[in-house]
Amino acid sequence: MRISISLTAIAVFFFSGIFEIQAQMPAQANESTLLDVPIPPHNRNVETYFSGESRPAKSYLHLKYLSAKKTGHDDLNQLVLDLKKQAQASGADAIIVLATQKTANEFFSDGNSGIVETATMDALAVVYPENLKFIPGSVKAWKVHLPGKDGQTWQLAATQEFNFMEQPASSTGTLKWIGWLKKWNHAYLLERPELVEKVVMGDFNREKKRVLADNRSVRIFYKPNSTSKEIEKLKISTSNVNEQTVYYHYTDDGKKVASREMIFDYSPNVRYIEYPEFDENGNVKGYLYLMQEGEKKEQFLRLDFDFYTEEDWDAHVKELIVKELGE
């Protein structure tokens, strides 16, 4: 039977003269470790429980620890609401409040003094296994191919595998090609918003520069006398990597990138041309690279993607549940 507790009653209890409360979660069989699968945010209601008094009746998996803090606040319900918003952003189904602390600090200002109270609430965000859903499009592996000696075939040169969180897991083969793709490939440079730390706007409210999480910066140039936000040219410069210029060529309808030309400042007469290849659903399944010097073009590199399937997901989640919950 699930126990429901009034948040108002909890707040009254917290502020009835008790300045510090610690509630430790007893270890139970239905607790697990942090998840290693992507969980999208949602707008559903997040269930709230209080350690030592209530907890979910069904089995759950630990997702992450959350914390909320308010200064000069006398309503701990606001902290609970803050935690629930954080839980929604993390994709959690419920929170278990672990500990609440209230501290009082005296302040002096312009001859006046007073007490400032700060309340901190910590909670564990959890998910129910039945709510874990497969998210299409996660890359399982890159396969890097080099042209064979006959110029007619491709030879596997290196692979880079990724976990369900799209973090590098293991790699094999000639790793310099993986490094080359990590620096200059779409996925790591332009199509991953989480890598962009800051955007600088210029004239006509157009994007002028991106600062990336790994200290790279991307300067964006536009066609002369154009107010369009369509990217025409990029210069990618870092403190430890040579400058690169990228030209974009779009399809006739302007909706897709037909190819990119990459030119490095250390070899201005050589350019690498990247052609995306699409599957039947219009998703990019790989890239073909040609190297051009003068009028001569030759195959340079080929990159194919393997994507996680729903069967991969189901097997992984089942293994996780069995490992963590013993079911």
C-alpha atoms as a PDB file:
ATOM      1  CA  MET A   1       0.000   0.000   0.000  1.00  0.00           C
ATOM      2  CA  ARG A   2       1.477   3.371  -1.053  1.00  0.00           C
ATOM      3  CA  ILE A   3       1.623   6.037   1.660  1.00  0.00           C
ATOM      4  CA  SER A   4       0.653   9.586   0.711  1.00  0.00           C
ATOM      5  CA  ILE A   5       1.920  12.453   2.853  1.00  0.00           C
ATOM      6  CA  SER A   6       0.708  16.047   2.754  1.00  0.00           C
ATOM      7  CA  LEU A   7       3.475  18.451   1.764  1.00  0.00           C
ATOM      8  CA  THR A   8       1.883  21.112   3.945  1.00  0.00           C
ATOM      9  CA  ALA A   9       2.083  18.822   6.952  1.00  0.00           C
ATOM     10  CA  ILE A  10       5.723  18.112   6.182  1.00  0.00           C
ATOM     11  CA  ALA A  11       6.496  21.837   5.958  1.00  0.00           C
ATOM     12  CA  VAL A  12       4.801  22.502   9.301  1.00  0.00           C
ATOM     13  CA  PHE A  13       6.826  19.671  10.839  1.00  0.00           C
ATOM     14  CA  PHE A  14      10.079  21.023   9.407  1.00  0.00           C
ATOM     15  CA  PHE A  15       9.553  24.506  10.769  1.00  0.00           C
ATOM     16  CA  SER A  16       8.321  23.677  14.248  1.00  0.00           C
ATOM     17  CA  GLY A  17      11.644  24.645  15.798  1.00  0.00           C
ATOM     18  CA  ILE A  18      13.832  21.888  14.332  1.00  0.00           C
ATOM     19  CA  PHE A  19      16.804  23.521  12.574  1.00  0.00           C
ATOM     20  CA  GLU A  20      18.422  20.441  11.084  1.00  0.00           C
ATOM     21  CA  ILE A  21      16.920  17.153   9.969  1.00  0.00           C
ATOM     22  CA  GLN A  22      18.855  14.212   8.552  1.00  0.00           C
ATOM     23  CA  ALA A  23      16.992  11.262   7.013  1.00  0.00           C
ATOM     24  CA  GLN A  24      19.137   8.402   5.786  1.00  0.00           C
ATOM     25  CA  MET A  25      17.730   5.900   3.313  1.00  0.00           C
ATOM     26  CA  PRO A  26      17.925   2.317   4.573  1.00  0.00           C
ATOM     27  CA  ALA A  27      19.375  -0.067   2.028  1.00  0.00           C
ATOM     28  CA  GLN A  28      16.713  -2.183   0.368  1.00  0.00           C
ATOM     29  CA  ALA A  29      16.675  -4.802  -2.331  1.00  0.00           C
ATOM     30  CA  ASN A  30      14.937  -2.584  -4.872  1.00  0.00           C
ATOM     31  CA  GLU A  31      17.668   0.069  -4.952  1.00  0.00           C
ATOM     32  CA  SER A  32      20.124   0.156  -7.842  1.00  0.00           C
ATOM     33  CA  THR A  33      22.977   2.232  -9.159  1.00  0.00           C
ATOM     34  CA  LEU A  34      23.018   5.135 -11.620  1.00  0.00           C
ATOM     35  CA  LEU A  35      21.573   4.327 -15.028  1.00  0.00           C
ATOM     36  CA  ASP A  36      23.630   4.274 -18.208  1.00  0.00           C
ATOM     37  CA  VAL A  37      20.743   4.675 -20.655  1.00  0.00           C
ATOM     38  CA  PRO A  38      19.393   7.954 -22.073  1.00  0.00           C
ATOM     39  CA  ILE A  39      16.151   9.104 -20.463  1.00  0.00           C
ATOM     40  CA  PRO A  40      14.311  12.030 -22.088  1.00  0.00           C
ATOM     41  CA  PRO A  41      12.763  14.852 -20.053  1.00  0.00           C
ATOM     42  CA  HIS A  42       8.988  14.946 -19.627  1.00  0.00           C
ATOM     43  CA  ASN A  43       6.114  17.004 -18.224  1.00  0.00           C
ATOM     44  CA  ARG A  44       4.405  14.237 -16.270  1.00  0.00           C
ATOM     45  CA  ASN A  45       3.723  14.496 -12.569  1.00  0.00           C
ATOM     46  CA  VAL A  46       6.651  13.395 -10.409  1.00  0.00           C
ATOM     47  CA  GLU A  47       5.697  11.370  -7.352  1.00  0.00           C
ATOM     48  CA  THR A  48       7.193  12.550  -4.054  1.00  0.00           C
ATOM     49  CA  TYR A  49       8.266  10.369  -1.128  1.00  0.00           C
ATOM     50  CA  PHE A  50      10.165  11.031   2.099  1.00  0.00           C
ATOM     51  CA  SER A  51      12.872   8.657   3.273  1.00  0.00           C
ATOM     52  CA  GLY A  52      12.001   6.831   6.471  1.00  0.00           C
ATOM     53  CA  GLU A  53       8.311   7.569   5.994  1.00  0.00           C
ATOM     54  CA  SER A  54       7.349   6.539   2.479  1.00  0.00           C
ATOM     55  CA  ARG A  55       8.887   5.154  -0.695  1.00  0.00           C
ATOM     56  CA  PRO A  56       7.634   3.823  -4.037  1.00  0.00           C
ATOM     57  CA  ALA A  57       5.677   0.592  -3.754  1.00  0.00           C
ATOM     58  CA  LYS A  58       7.099  -0.695  -7.043  1.00  0.00           C
ATOM     59  CA  SER A  59      10.700  -1.524  -7.941  1.00  0.00           C
ATOM     60  CA  TYR A  60      12.770   1.407  -9.104  1.00  0.00           C
ATOM     61  CA  LEU A  61      16.220   2.282 -10.409  1.00  0.00           C
ATOM     62  CA  HIS A  62      18.419   5.051  -9.082  1.00  0.00           C
ATOM     63  CA  LEU A  63      18.888   7.821 -11.633  1.00  0.00           C
ATOM     64  CA  LYS A  64      20.717  10.702  -9.950  1.00  0.00           C
ATOM     65  CA  TYR A  65      20.932  12.817  -6.814  1.00  0.00           C
ATOM     66  CA  LEU A  66      19.272  16.242  -6.779  1.00  0.00           C
ATOM     67  CA  SER A  67      19.617  19.245  -4.505  1.00  0.00           C
ATOM     68  CA  ALA A  68      17.639  22.462  -4.071  1.00  0.00           C
ATOM     69  CA  LYS A  69      18.466  25.516  -1.963  1.00  0.00           C
ATOM     70  CA  LYS A  70      16.508  28.589  -0.947  1.00  0.00           C
ATOM     71  CA  THR A  71      17.710  31.583   1.063  1.00  0.00           C
ATOM     72  CA  GLY A  72      15.296  33.684   3.071  1.00  0.00           C
ATOM     73  CA  HIS A  73      12.493  31.192   2.406  1.00  0.00           C
ATOM     74  CA  ASP A  74      10.073  29.843   4.968  1.00  0.00           C
ATOM     75  CA  ASP A  75       8.206  27.374   2.757  1.00  0.00           C
ATOM     76  CA  LEU A  76       9.900  24.053   2.068  1.00  0.00           C
ATOM     77  CA  ASN A  77       7.150  23.201  -0.410  1.00  0.00           C
ATOM     78  CA  GLN A  78       9.046  25.453  -2.838  1.00  0.00           C
ATOM     79  CA  LEU A  79      12.100  23.238  -2.475  1.00  0.00           C
ATOM     80  CA  VAL A  80      10.018  20.171  -3.268  1.00  0.00           C
ATOM     81  CA  LEU A  81       8.614  21.880  -6.369  1.00  0.00           C
ATOM     82  CA  ASP A  82      12.161  22.786  -7.454  1.00  0.00           C
ATOM     83  CA  LEU A  83      13.285  19.174  -7.025  1.00  0.00           C
ATOM     84  CA  LYS A  84      10.286  17.931  -9.008  1.00  0.00           C
ATOM     85  CA  LYS A  85      11.156  20.279 -11.892  1.00  0.00           C
ATOM     86  CA  GLN A  86      14.740  18.996 -11.853  1.00  0.00           C
ATOM     87  CA  ALA A  87      13.403  15.439 -11.834  1.00  0.00           C
ATOM     88  CA  GLN A  88      11.190  16.143 -14.866  1.00  0.00           C
ATOM     89  CA  ALA A  89      14.204  17.567 -16.731  1.00  0.00           C
ATOM     90  CA  SER A  90      16.136  14.378 -15.885  1.00  0.00           C
ATOM     91  CA  GLY A  91      13.296  12.074 -16.947  1.00  0.00           C
ATOM     92  CA  ALA A  92      12.658  10.750 -13.433  1.00  0.00           C
ATOM     93  CA  ASP A  93       9.343   9.241 -12.331  1.00  0.00           C
ATOM     94  CA  ALA A  94       9.661  10.014  -8.619  1.00  0.00           C
ATOM     95  CA  ILE A  95      11.865  11.651  -6.010  1.00  0.00           C
ATOM     96  CA  ILE A  96      12.716  10.397  -2.537  1.00  0.00           C
ATOM     97  CA  VAL A  97      13.636  13.274  -0.226  1.00  0.00           C
ATOM     98  CA  LEU A  98      16.711  12.167   1.707  1.00  0.00           C
ATOM     99  CA  ALA A  99      17.674  15.075   3.929  1.00  0.00           C
ATOM    100  CA  THR A 100      16.609  18.612   4.709  1.00  0.00           C
ATOM    101  CA  GLN A 101      18.816  21.117   6.468  1.00  0.00           C
ATOM    102  CA  LYS A 102      18.077  24.611   7.681  1.00  0.00           C
ATOM    103  CA  THR A 103      20.873  26.927   8.743  1.00  0.00           C
ATOM    104  CA  ALA A 104      20.728  30.418  10.218  1.00  0.00           C
ATOM    105  CA  ASN A 105      23.470  33.010   9.647  1.00  0.00           C
ATOM    106  CA  GLU A 106      23.703  36.438  11.239  1.00  0.00           C
ATOM    107  CA  PHE A 107      24.510  39.399   8.993  1.00  0.00           C
ATOM    108  CA  PHE A 108      25.592  43.009   9.627  1.00  0.00           C
ATOM    109  CA  SER A 109      24.985  45.834   7.144  1.00  0.00           C
ATOM    110  CA  ASP A 110      25.064  49.620   7.651  1.00  0.00           C
ATOM    111  CA  GLY A 111      24.769  49.245  11.403  1.00  0.00           C
ATOM    112  CA  ASN A 112      21.882  46.811  11.120  1.00  0.00           C
ATOM    113  CA  SER A 113      21.925  43.135  11.867  1.00  0.00           C
ATOM    114  CA  GLY A 114      19.631  40.209  11.298  1.00  0.00           C
ATOM    115  CA  ILE A 115      19.306  36.509  10.644  1.00  0.00           C
ATOM    116  CA  VAL A 116      19.263  34.960   7.168  1.00  0.00           C
ATOM    117  CA  GLU A 117      17.958  31.435   6.968  1.00  0.00           C
ATOM    118  CA  THR A 118      18.938  28.984   4.207  1.00  0.00           C
ATOM    119  CA  ALA A 119      17.155  25.708   3.592  1.00  0.00           C
ATOM    120  CA  THR A 120      18.672  22.868   1.560  1.00  0.00           C
ATOM    121  CA  MET A 121      16.842  19.754   0.449  1.00  0.00           C
ATOM    122  CA  ASP A 122      18.494  16.684  -1.113  1.00  0.00           C
ATOM    123  CA  ALA A 123      16.630  13.963  -2.956  1.00  0.00           C
ATOM    124  CA  LEU A 124      17.171  10.837  -5.007  1.00  0.00           C
ATOM    125  CA  ALA A 125      15.550  10.799  -8.448  1.00  0.00           C
ATOM    126  CA  VAL A 126      14.350   7.353  -9.536  1.00  0.00           C
ATOM    127  CA  VAL A 127      12.756   5.780 -12.595  1.00  0.00           C
ATOM    128  CA  TYR A 128      10.440   2.820 -12.970  1.00  0.00           C
ATOM    129  CA  PRO A 129      11.810   0.170 -15.362  1.00  0.00           C
ATOM    130  CA  GLU A 130       8.539  -0.077 -17.294  1.00  0.00           C
ATOM    131  CA  ASN A 131       8.864   3.590 -18.294  1.00  0.00           C
ATOM    132  CA  LEU A 132      12.238   3.168 -19.990  1.00  0.00           C
ATOM    133  CA  LYS A 133      11.644   3.699 -23.693  1.00  0.00           C
ATOM    134  CA  PHE A 134      13.826   3.109 -26.736  1.00  0.00           C
ATOM    135  CA  ILE A 135      15.078   6.337 -28.350  1.00  0.00           C
ATOM    136  CA  PRO A 136      15.909   5.829 -32.057  1.00  0.00           C
ATOM    137  CA  GLY A 137      19.001   7.379 -33.564  1.00  0.00           C
ATOM    138  CA  SER A 138      21.654   6.590 -30.963  1.00  0.00           C
ATOM    139  CA  VAL A 139      24.951   5.722 -32.651  1.00  0.00           C
ATOM    140  CA  LYS A 140      26.298   2.305 -31.713  1.00  0.00           C
ATOM    141  CA  ALA A 141      29.553   2.463 -33.683  1.00  0.00           C
ATOM    142  CA  TRP A 142      31.534   4.264 -36.352  1.00  0.00           C
ATOM    143  CA  LYS A 143      33.259   2.208 -39.015  1.00  0.00           C
ATOM    144  CA  VAL A 144      36.126   3.978 -40.734  1.00  0.00           C
ATOM    145  CA  HIS A 145      37.152   2.612 -44.147  1.00  0.00           C
ATOM    146  CA  LEU A 146      40.155   3.415 -46.330  1.00  0.00           C
ATOM    147  CA  PRO A 147      40.306   2.745 -50.082  1.00  0.00           C
ATOM    148  CA  GLY A 148      41.887  -0.572 -51.055  1.00  0.00           C
ATOM    149  CA  LYS A 149      44.999  -0.776 -53.178  1.00  0.00           C
ATOM    150  CA  ASP A 150      42.897  -1.456 -56.263  1.00  0.00           C
ATOM    151  CA  GLY A 151      40.951   1.758 -55.746  1.00  0.00           C
ATOM    152  CA  GLN A 152      37.695  -0.175 -56.155  1.00  0.00           C
ATOM    153  CA  THR A 153      37.117  -1.573 -52.666  1.00  0.00           C
ATOM    154  CA  TRP A 154      37.038  -0.339 -49.082  1.00  0.00           C
ATOM    155  CA  GLN A 155      39.104  -1.773 -46.251  1.00  0.00           C
ATOM    156  CA  LEU A 156      37.998  -1.442 -42.611  1.00  0.00           C
ATOM    157  CA  ALA A 157      40.627   0.698 -40.874  1.00  0.00           C
ATOM    158  CA  ALA A 158      39.157   1.508 -37.457  1.00  0.00           C
ATOM    159  CA  THR A 159      36.011   1.339 -35.357  1.00  0.00           C
ATOM    160  CA  GLN A 160      34.752   3.485 -32.513  1.00  0.00           C
ATOM    161  CA  GLU A 161      32.008   2.052 -30.330  1.00  0.00           C
ATOM    162  CA  PHE A 162      29.643   4.075 -28.127  1.00  0.00           C
ATOM    163  CA  ASN A 163      27.423   3.239 -25.185  1.00  0.00           C
ATOM    164  CA  PHE A 164      23.741   4.140 -24.987  1.00  0.00           C
ATOM    165  CA  MET A 165      24.678   7.566 -23.643  1.00  0.00           C
ATOM    166  CA  GLU A 166      26.694   8.147 -26.847  1.00  0.00           C
ATOM    167  CA  GLN A 167      29.951   8.177 -24.905  1.00  0.00           C
ATOM    168  CA  PRO A 168      33.002   6.454 -26.466  1.00  0.00           C
ATOM    169  CA  ALA A 169      33.250   2.897 -25.146  1.00  0.00           C
ATOM    170  CA  SER A 170      36.060   1.163 -27.041  1.00  0.00           C
ATOM    171  CA  SER A 171      37.996   1.506 -30.278  1.00  0.00           C
ATOM    172  CA  THR A 172      40.064  -0.657 -32.590  1.00  0.00           C
ATOM    173  CA  GLY A 173      42.302  -0.198 -35.607  1.00  0.00           C
ATOM    174  CA  THR A 174      44.038   2.935 -36.833  1.00  0.00           C
ATOM    175  CA  LEU A 175      43.001   5.455 -34.215  1.00  0.00           C
ATOM    176  CA  LYS A 176      44.337   8.539 -36.000  1.00  0.00           C
ATOM    177  CA  TRP A 177      41.332   8.405 -38.328  1.00  0.00           C
ATOM    178  CA  ILE A 178      38.989   8.364 -35.362  1.00  0.00           C
ATOM    179  CA  GLY A 179      40.788  11.434 -34.021  1.00  0.00           C
ATOM    180  CA  TRP A 180      40.470  13.145 -37.392  1.00  0.00           C
ATOM    181  CA  LEU A 181      36.724  12.534 -37.490  1.00  0.00           C
ATOM    182  CA  LYS A 182      36.216  13.623 -33.894  1.00  0.00           C
ATOM    183  CA  LYS A 183      37.785  16.981 -34.651  1.00  0.00           C
ATOM    184  CA  TRP A 184      36.019  17.724 -37.901  1.00  0.00           C
ATOM    185  CA  ASN A 185      32.895  15.582 -38.178  1.00  0.00           C
ATOM    186  CA  HIS A 186      29.371  17.057 -38.076  1.00  0.00           C
ATOM    187  CA  ALA A 187      28.312  15.187 -34.964  1.00  0.00           C
ATOM    188  CA  TYR A 188      31.123  16.599 -32.829  1.00  0.00           C
ATOM    189  CA  LEU A 189      31.252  20.115 -34.184  1.00  0.00           C
ATOM    190  CA  LEU A 190      27.999  21.517 -35.479  1.00  0.00           C
ATOM    191  CA  GLU A 191      25.120  19.177 -34.719  1.00  0.00           C
ATOM    192  CA  ARG A 192      25.591  18.665 -30.979  1.00  0.00           C
ATOM    193  CA  PRO A 193      24.044  21.619 -29.085  1.00  0.00           C
ATOM    194  CA  GLU A 194      25.391  20.347 -25.773  1.00  0.00           C
ATOM    195  CA  LEU A 195      28.915  21.145 -27.009  1.00  0.00           C
ATOM    196  CA  VAL A 196      28.071  24.822 -27.582  1.00  0.00           C
ATOM    197  CA  GLU A 197      28.818  26.873 -24.477  1.00  0.00           C
ATOM    198  CA  LYS A 198      28.148  30.328 -25.892  1.00  0.00           C
ATOM    199  CA  VAL A 199      26.753  31.942 -29.035  1.00  0.00           C
ATOM    200  CA  VAL A 200      27.849  35.457 -30.048  1.00  0.00           C
ATOM    201  CA  MET A 201      25.414  37.406 -32.194  1.00  0.00           C
ATOM    202  CA  GLY A 202      26.441  39.975 -34.812  1.00  0.00           C
ATOM    203  CA  ASP A 203      24.765  42.362 -37.245  1.00  0.00           C
ATOM    204  CA  PHE A 204      21.148  41.727 -38.270  1.00  0.00           C
ATOM    205  CA  ASN A 205      20.802  39.503 -35.185  1.00  0.00           C
ATOM    206  CA  ARG A 206      22.786  36.784 -36.961  1.00  0.00           C
ATOM    207  CA  GLU A 207      24.930  34.158 -35.323  1.00  0.00           C
ATOM    208  CA  LYS A 208      28.535  35.295 -35.529  1.00  0.00           C
ATOM    209  CA  LYS A 209      30.508  32.882 -33.376  1.00  0.00           C
ATOM    210  CA  ARG A 210      30.129  29.693 -31.363  1.00  0.00           C
ATOM    211  CA  VAL A 211      32.346  28.812 -28.412  1.00  0.00           C
ATOM    212  CA  LEU A 212      32.476  25.043 -27.925  1.00  0.00           C
ATOM    213  CA  ALA A 213      32.980  23.060 -24.744  1.00  0.00           C
ATOM    214  CA  ASP A 214      36.461  21.873 -25.733  1.00  0.00           C
ATOM    215  CA  ASN A 215      37.887  25.408 -26.207  1.00  0.00           C
ATOM    216  CA  ARG A 216      37.268  25.444 -29.942  1.00  0.00           C
ATOM    217  CA  SER A 217      35.576  28.452 -31.499  1.00  0.00           C
ATOM    218  CA  VAL A 218      33.576  28.590 -34.715  1.00  0.00           C
ATOM    219  CA  ARG A 219      33.287  31.874 -36.600  1.00  0.00           C
ATOM    220  CA  ILE A 220      30.420  32.123 -39.045  1.00  0.00           C
ATOM    221  CA  PHE A 221      30.482  34.189 -42.222  1.00  0.00           C
ATOM    222  CA  TYR A 222      27.538  35.094 -44.454  1.00  0.00           C
ATOM    223  CA  LYS A 223      27.143  35.910 -48.115  1.00  0.00           C
ATOM    224  CA  PRO A 224      27.745  39.610 -48.856  1.00  0.00           C
ATOM    225  CA  ASN A 225      24.665  41.838 -48.457  1.00  0.00           C
ATOM    226  CA  SER A 226      22.624  38.931 -47.124  1.00  0.00           C
ATOM    227  CA  THR A 227      20.557  38.861 -43.954  1.00  0.00           C
ATOM    228  CA  SER A 228      19.905  35.135 -44.281  1.00  0.00           C
ATOM    229  CA  LYS A 229      20.982  32.936 -41.377  1.00  0.00           C
ATOM    230  CA  GLU A 230      22.144  30.229 -43.779  1.00  0.00           C
ATOM    231  CA  ILE A 231      25.756  29.392 -43.008  1.00  0.00           C
ATOM    232  CA  GLU A 232      28.065  30.077 -45.925  1.00  0.00           C
ATOM    233  CA  LYS A 233      31.503  29.651 -44.415  1.00  0.00           C
ATOM    234  CA  LEU A 234      32.990  28.562 -41.122  1.00  0.00           C
ATOM    235  CA  LYS A 235      36.424  29.096 -39.672  1.00  0.00           C
ATOM    236  CA  ILE A 236      37.308  26.728 -36.889  1.00  0.00           C
ATOM    237  CA  SER A 237      40.275  27.797 -34.805  1.00  0.00           C
ATOM    238  CA  THR A 238      41.696  26.496 -31.545  1.00  0.00           C
ATOM    239  CA  SER A 239      44.715  27.084 -29.410  1.00  0.00           C
ATOM    240  CA  ASN A 240      46.224  23.735 -30.356  1.00  0.00           C
ATOM    241  CA  VAL A 241      44.768  22.916 -33.777  1.00  0.00           C
ATOM    242  CA  ASN A 242      45.373  24.611 -37.097  1.00  0.00           C
ATOM    243  CA  GLU A 243      42.627  26.747 -38.573  1.00  0.00           C
ATOM    244  CA  GLN A 244      40.126  25.134 -40.884  1.00  0.00           C
ATOM    245  CA  THR A 245      37.683  26.689 -43.318  1.00  0.00           C
ATOM    246  CA  VAL A 246      34.457  24.864 -44.173  1.00  0.00           C
ATOM    247  CA  TYR A 247      32.234  25.661 -47.163  1.00  0.00           C
ATOM    248  CA  TYR A 248      28.667  24.364 -47.214  1.00  0.00           C
ATOM    249  CA  HIS A 249      26.810  23.396 -50.387  1.00  0.00           C
ATOM    250  CA  TYR A 250      23.064  22.893 -50.052  1.00  0.00           C
ATOM    251  CA  THR A 251      20.535  20.915 -52.049  1.00  0.00           C
ATOM    252  CA  ASP A 252      18.386  22.885 -54.496  1.00  0.00           C
ATOM    253  CA  ASP A 253      15.581  23.191 -51.960  1.00  0.00           C
ATOM    254  CA  GLY A 254      18.041  24.480 -49.353  1.00  0.00           C
ATOM    255  CA  LYS A 255      16.869  21.978 -46.734  1.00  0.00           C
ATOM    256  CA  LYS A 256      19.865  19.629 -46.656  1.00  0.00           C
ATOM    257  CA  VAL A 257      23.616  19.888 -46.862  1.00  0.00           C
ATOM    258  CA  ALA A 258      24.655  18.264 -50.141  1.00  0.00           C
ATOM    259  CA  SER A 259      28.374  18.456 -49.378  1.00  0.00           C
ATOM    260  CA  ARG A 260      31.032  20.244 -47.349  1.00  0.00           C
ATOM    261  CA  GLU A 261      34.502  21.367 -48.380  1.00  0.00           C
ATOM    262  CA  MET A 262      37.152  21.422 -45.654  1.00  0.00           C
ATOM    263  CA  ILE A 263      40.437  23.275 -46.130  1.00  0.00           C
ATOM    264  CA  PHE A 264      43.236  23.311 -43.549  1.00  0.00           C
ATOM    265  CA  ASP A 265      45.574  26.285 -43.381  1.00  0.00           C
ATOM    266  CA  TYR A 266      48.638  24.023 -43.289  1.00  0.00           C
ATOM    267  CA  SER A 267      47.656  22.594 -46.711  1.00  0.00           C
ATOM    268  CA  PRO A 268      45.667  25.277 -48.570  1.00  0.00           C
ATOM    269  CA  ASN A 269      45.911  23.531 -51.956  1.00  0.00           C
ATOM    270  CA  VAL A 270      44.233  20.368 -50.684  1.00  0.00           C
ATOM    271  CA  ARG A 271      40.572  20.153 -49.793  1.00  0.00           C
ATOM    272  CA  TYR A 272      38.494  17.348 -48.373  1.00  0.00           C
ATOM    273  CA  ILE A 273      34.974  17.058 -49.750  1.00  0.00           C
ATOM    274  CA  GLU A 274      32.383  15.332 -47.579  1.00  0.00           C
ATOM    275  CA  TYR A 275      29.211  13.836 -49.042  1.00  0.00           C
ATOM    276  CA  PRO A 276      26.480  12.618 -46.654  1.00  0.00           C
ATOM    277  CA  GLU A 277      24.625   9.412 -47.533  1.00  0.00           C
ATOM    278  CA  PHE A 278      21.016   8.941 -46.442  1.00  0.00           C
ATOM    279  CA  ASP A 279      18.850   5.918 -45.682  1.00  0.00           C
ATOM    280  CA  GLU A 280      15.277   5.376 -46.874  1.00  0.00           C
ATOM    281  CA  ASN A 281      13.968   7.522 -44.028  1.00  0.00           C
ATOM    282  CA  GLY A 282      16.187  10.468 -44.893  1.00  0.00           C
ATOM    283  CA  ASN A 283      18.574   9.961 -41.965  1.00  0.00           C
ATOM    284  CA  VAL A 284      22.334  10.228 -42.469  1.00  0.00           C
ATOM    285  CA  LYS A 285      23.857   6.745 -42.489  1.00  0.00           C
ATOM    286  CA  GLY A 286      27.413   7.717 -43.320  1.00  0.00           C
ATOM    287  CA  TYR A 287      29.826  10.055 -45.085  1.00  0.00           C
ATOM    288  CA  LEU A 288      32.069   9.664 -48.123  1.00  0.00           C
ATOM    289  CA  TYR A 289      35.224  11.802 -48.264  1.00  0.00           C
ATOM    290  CA  LEU A 290      37.138  12.727 -51.387  1.00  0.00           C
ATOM    291  CA  MET A 291      40.505  14.467 -51.378  1.00  0.00           C
ATOM    292  CA  GLN A 292      41.040  17.047 -54.123  1.00  0.00           C
ATOM    293  CA  GLU A 293      44.339  18.633 -55.139  1.00  0.00           C
ATOM    294  CA  GLY A 294      44.089  20.835 -58.190  1.00  0.00           C
ATOM    295  CA  GLU A 295      41.778  19.041 -60.622  1.00  0.00           C
ATOM    296  CA  LYS A 296      42.605  15.590 -59.291  1.00  0.00           C
ATOM    297  CA  LYS A 297      40.084  13.888 -56.974  1.00  0.00           C
ATOM    298  CA  GLU A 298      40.504  10.576 -55.240  1.00  0.00           C
ATOM    299  CA  GLN A 299      38.692   8.602 -52.574  1.00  0.00           C
ATOM    300  CA  PHE A 300      40.047   9.445 -49.164  1.00  0.00           C
ATOM    301  CA  LEU A 301      37.865   8.004 -46.417  1.00  0.00           C
ATOM    302  CA  ARG A 302      34.461   6.481 -45.758  1.00  0.00           C
ATOM    303  CA  LEU A 303      32.499   6.588 -42.506  1.00  0.00           C
ATOM    304  CA  ASP A 304      29.506   4.336 -41.832  1.00  0.00           C
ATOM    305  CA  PHE A 305      27.245   4.448 -38.786  1.00  0.00           C
ATOM    306  CA  ASP A 306      25.689   1.548 -36.901  1.00  0.00           C
ATOM    307  CA  PHE A 307      22.654   2.549 -34.854  1.00  0.00           C
ATOM    308  CA  TYR A 308      21.241   0.846 -31.797  1.00  0.00           C
ATOM    309  CA  THR A 309      18.122  -1.184 -32.524  1.00  0.00           C
ATOM    310  CA  GLU A 310      15.105  -1.692 -30.290  1.00  0.00           C
ATOM    311  CA  GLU A 311      16.299  -5.280 -29.737  1.00  0.00           C
ATOM    312  CA  ASP A 312      19.664  -3.943 -28.495  1.00  0.00           C
ATOM    313  CA  TRP A 313      17.835  -1.607 -26.144  1.00  0.00           C
ATOM    314  CA  ASP A 314      15.515  -4.286 -24.765  1.00  0.00           C
ATOM    315  CA  ALA A 315      18.419  -6.645 -24.107  1.00  0.00           C
ATOM    316  CA  HIS A 316      20.432  -3.907 -22.376  1.00  0.00           C
ATOM    317  CA  VAL A 317      17.555  -2.755 -20.167  1.00  0.00           C
ATOM    318  CA  LYS A 318      16.718  -6.361 -19.247  1.00  0.00           C
ATOM    319  CA  GLU A 319      20.342  -6.975 -18.255  1.00  0.00           C
ATOM    320  CA  LEU A 320      20.345  -3.779 -16.196  1.00  0.00           C
ATOM    321  CA  ILE A 321      17.166  -4.718 -14.365  1.00  0.00           C
ATOM    322  CA  VAL A 322      18.347  -8.248 -13.656  1.00  0.00           C
ATOM    323  CA  LYS A 323      21.702  -6.980 -12.415  1.00  0.00           C
ATOM    324  CA  GLU A 324      20.325  -4.199 -10.238  1.00  0.00           C
ATOM    325  CA  LEU A 325      16.984  -5.564  -9.080  1.00  0.00           C
ATOM    326  CA  GLY A 326      17.576  -9.290  -9.244  1.00  0.00           C
ATOM    327  CA  GLU A 327      14.399  -9.898 -11.207  1.00  0.00           C
END
